[in-house]
Amino acid sequence: MFHFQLVALSGTKFDDDVAEVILPTLEGEIGVMQDHMPLVSVATSGVIVVRRNPKDADRDREFFATNGGVIDVSDNVLRVLVDEADHADTINEAEAQAAYERAQKMKAEAKDQVSLEHAQAIVDRQAVRLQVAGLKRHHQRHK
C-alpha cells in the first residue's frame, strides 16, 4: 500500500492509502504501486483509476475524470495536482452529454483560433467526463 493524494483547484478529491493508481500521461497510461521509483511527470486529460485494496476486483475500482496536471511520486506517496477532478459518483451523465453537445456546437461555430481552442478544451473535458460516467455505469451493471 502507498498514499495517494489527488488535489484540484477546488480542493482535495482523494487522500487515502491505496494499492494501485493508473494515470494518463503524455507517454500513455502508467500504473503506480507500492515502492514505485521516484517520478515527476505531466498528467494529461483522462481517467485516473484507483484500486483501494490489492484484492479489489476491477468492478470495485474508483474513477476520476481529470483535466491535466502534475504527477509526483516519492517515498510511497503519489501526489497528483490538477485543475479539475470529478469522481464518477458526482458526474451526471445527461448533463455531461448536453455540455459535450454544446461544446461541439461552439467548436463548429468558432470564428478564430482562440475560440476554437477554447471549445476543443471543453469538448475534451466533457468527453472524459462521459467516459468516466460510462465506466461507472458499466461496472455497476457487472456487480
Protein backbone atom coordinates (compact mmCIF):
# COMPACT_ATOMS: atom_id res chain seq x y z
CA MET A 1 0.00 0.00 0.00
CA PHE A 2 1.03 3.60 -0.56
CA HIS A 3 -0.57 7.02 -0.07
CA PHE A 4 -2.43 8.78 -2.90
CA GLN A 5 -3.46 12.43 -2.90
CA LEU A 6 -5.50 13.95 -5.71
CA VAL A 7 -5.74 17.71 -5.32
CA ALA A 8 -7.72 20.02 -7.62
CA LEU A 9 -8.10 23.79 -7.52
CA SER A 10 -11.43 23.27 -5.75
CA GLY A 11 -9.83 21.13 -3.01
CA THR A 12 -8.70 17.64 -2.15
CA LYS A 13 -10.58 14.97 -4.12
CA PHE A 14 -8.84 11.89 -2.69
CA ASP A 15 -6.45 11.38 0.22
CA ASP A 16 -6.01 7.77 1.37
CA ASP A 17 -3.87 4.65 1.21
CA VAL A 18 -4.33 2.58 -1.96
CA ALA A 19 -2.94 -0.48 -3.73
CA GLU A 20 -2.75 0.86 -7.31
CA VAL A 21 -3.39 4.02 -9.34
CA ILE A 22 -3.45 4.23 -13.14
CA LEU A 23 -2.72 7.69 -14.54
CA PRO A 24 -2.89 9.30 -18.01
CA THR A 25 0.46 10.83 -19.07
CA LEU A 26 1.97 12.21 -22.26
CA GLU A 27 3.61 8.81 -22.84
CA GLY A 28 0.38 6.87 -22.21
CA GLU A 29 -1.10 5.30 -19.10
CA ILE A 30 1.19 4.43 -16.21
CA GLY A 31 0.46 2.33 -13.16
CA VAL A 32 1.77 3.27 -9.73
CA MET A 33 2.06 0.73 -6.95
CA GLN A 34 3.93 0.49 -3.66
CA ASP A 35 7.68 1.21 -3.88
CA HIS A 36 7.36 2.93 -7.28
CA MET A 37 10.54 4.71 -8.33
CA PRO A 38 10.61 8.50 -7.82
CA LEU A 39 8.90 10.27 -10.72
CA VAL A 40 7.75 13.72 -11.79
CA SER A 41 5.57 13.78 -14.89
CA VAL A 42 2.79 15.61 -16.68
CA ALA A 43 -0.73 14.25 -16.30
CA THR A 44 -2.88 14.62 -19.40
CA SER A 45 -6.65 14.92 -19.53
CA GLY A 46 -8.09 11.49 -18.96
CA VAL A 47 -9.18 8.94 -16.42
CA ILE A 48 -7.46 8.21 -13.12
CA VAL A 49 -8.27 4.70 -11.89
CA VAL A 50 -7.88 3.83 -8.20
CA ARG A 51 -7.77 0.36 -6.66
CA ARG A 52 -8.03 0.78 -2.91
CA ASN A 53 -7.14 -2.79 -1.90
CA PRO A 54 -4.97 -5.35 -3.70
CA LYS A 55 -7.79 -7.90 -3.77
CA ASP A 56 -10.43 -5.49 -5.10
CA ALA A 57 -11.98 -6.64 -8.38
CA ASP A 58 -11.88 -4.31 -11.40
CA ARG A 59 -15.55 -3.51 -10.83
CA ASP A 60 -14.68 -2.08 -7.39
CA ARG A 61 -12.20 0.48 -8.70
CA GLU A 62 -12.89 4.21 -8.44
CA PHE A 63 -12.69 6.56 -11.42
CA PHE A 64 -11.88 10.27 -11.69
CA ALA A 65 -12.13 12.47 -14.78
CA THR A 66 -9.20 14.89 -14.75
CA ASN A 67 -8.08 17.80 -16.82
CA GLY A 68 -4.29 17.53 -16.87
CA GLY A 69 -1.78 18.44 -14.18
CA VAL A 70 1.39 17.26 -12.47
CA ILE A 71 2.33 13.84 -11.05
CA ASP A 72 4.86 13.44 -8.25
CA VAL A 73 5.87 10.06 -6.82
CA SER A 74 8.36 9.76 -3.95
CA ASP A 75 8.70 7.73 -0.74
CA ASN A 76 5.47 5.75 -1.29
CA VAL A 77 3.42 8.92 -1.76
CA LEU A 78 1.72 9.78 -5.06
CA ARG A 79 0.54 13.37 -5.40
CA VAL A 80 -1.41 14.47 -8.44
CA LEU A 81 -2.18 18.18 -8.77
CA VAL A 82 -4.83 19.02 -11.38
CA ASP A 83 -7.05 21.92 -12.36
CA GLU A 84 -10.20 19.80 -12.13
CA ALA A 85 -11.12 16.30 -11.00
CA ASP A 86 -14.59 14.76 -10.93
CA HIS A 87 -15.32 11.48 -9.14
CA ALA A 88 -17.52 9.13 -11.17
CA ASP A 89 -20.23 9.37 -8.49
CA THR A 90 -20.53 13.14 -8.96
CA ILE A 91 -20.92 13.13 -12.76
CA ASN A 92 -24.43 13.44 -14.14
CA GLU A 93 -24.18 11.66 -17.48
CA ALA A 94 -27.10 13.51 -19.08
CA GLU A 95 -25.65 16.90 -18.08
CA ALA A 96 -22.20 15.89 -19.35
CA GLN A 97 -23.72 14.77 -22.66
CA ALA A 98 -25.58 18.07 -23.05
CA ALA A 99 -22.40 20.04 -22.23
CA TYR A 100 -20.45 17.94 -24.74
CA GLU A 101 -23.01 18.70 -27.46
CA ARG A 102 -22.95 22.44 -26.63
CA ALA A 103 -19.15 22.41 -26.82
CA GLN A 104 -19.25 20.64 -30.20
CA LYS A 105 -21.59 23.37 -31.46
CA MET A 106 -19.26 26.08 -30.08
CA LYS A 107 -16.36 24.41 -31.87
CA ALA A 108 -18.26 24.27 -35.17
CA GLU A 109 -19.17 27.96 -34.86
CA ALA A 110 -15.72 29.19 -33.74
CA LYS A 111 -14.64 32.28 -35.69
CA ASP A 112 -10.98 32.35 -34.60
CA GLN A 113 -8.19 30.12 -33.27
CA VAL A 114 -8.68 31.16 -29.63
CA SER A 115 -12.39 30.32 -29.74
CA LEU A 116 -11.64 27.04 -31.48
CA GLU A 117 -9.04 26.04 -28.86
CA HIS A 118 -11.36 27.02 -26.01
CA ALA A 119 -14.20 24.96 -27.48
CA GLN A 120 -11.87 22.00 -28.08
CA ALA A 121 -10.74 22.10 -24.43
CA ILE A 122 -14.38 21.93 -23.32
CA VAL A 123 -15.09 19.11 -25.78
CA ASP A 124 -12.11 17.16 -24.41
CA ARG A 125 -13.14 17.70 -20.77
CA GLN A 126 -16.74 16.61 -21.37
CA ALA A 127 -15.58 13.58 -23.40
CA VAL A 128 -13.50 12.39 -20.42
CA ARG A 129 -16.42 13.01 -18.03
CA LEU A 130 -18.67 10.93 -20.32
CA GLN A 131 -16.04 8.19 -20.45
CA VAL A 132 -15.89 8.06 -16.62
CA ALA A 133 -19.69 8.05 -16.35
CA GLY A 134 -19.79 5.16 -18.83
CA LEU A 135 -17.16 3.23 -16.85
CA LYS A 136 -19.19 3.69 -13.68
CA ARG A 137 -22.39 2.54 -15.40
CA HIS A 138 -20.61 -0.48 -16.92
CA HIS A 139 -19.10 -1.58 -13.60
CA GLN A 140 -22.39 -1.13 -11.73
CA ARG A 141 -24.10 -3.47 -14.19
CA HIS A 142 -21.47 -6.15 -13.56
CA LYS A 143 -21.51 -6.11 -9.77
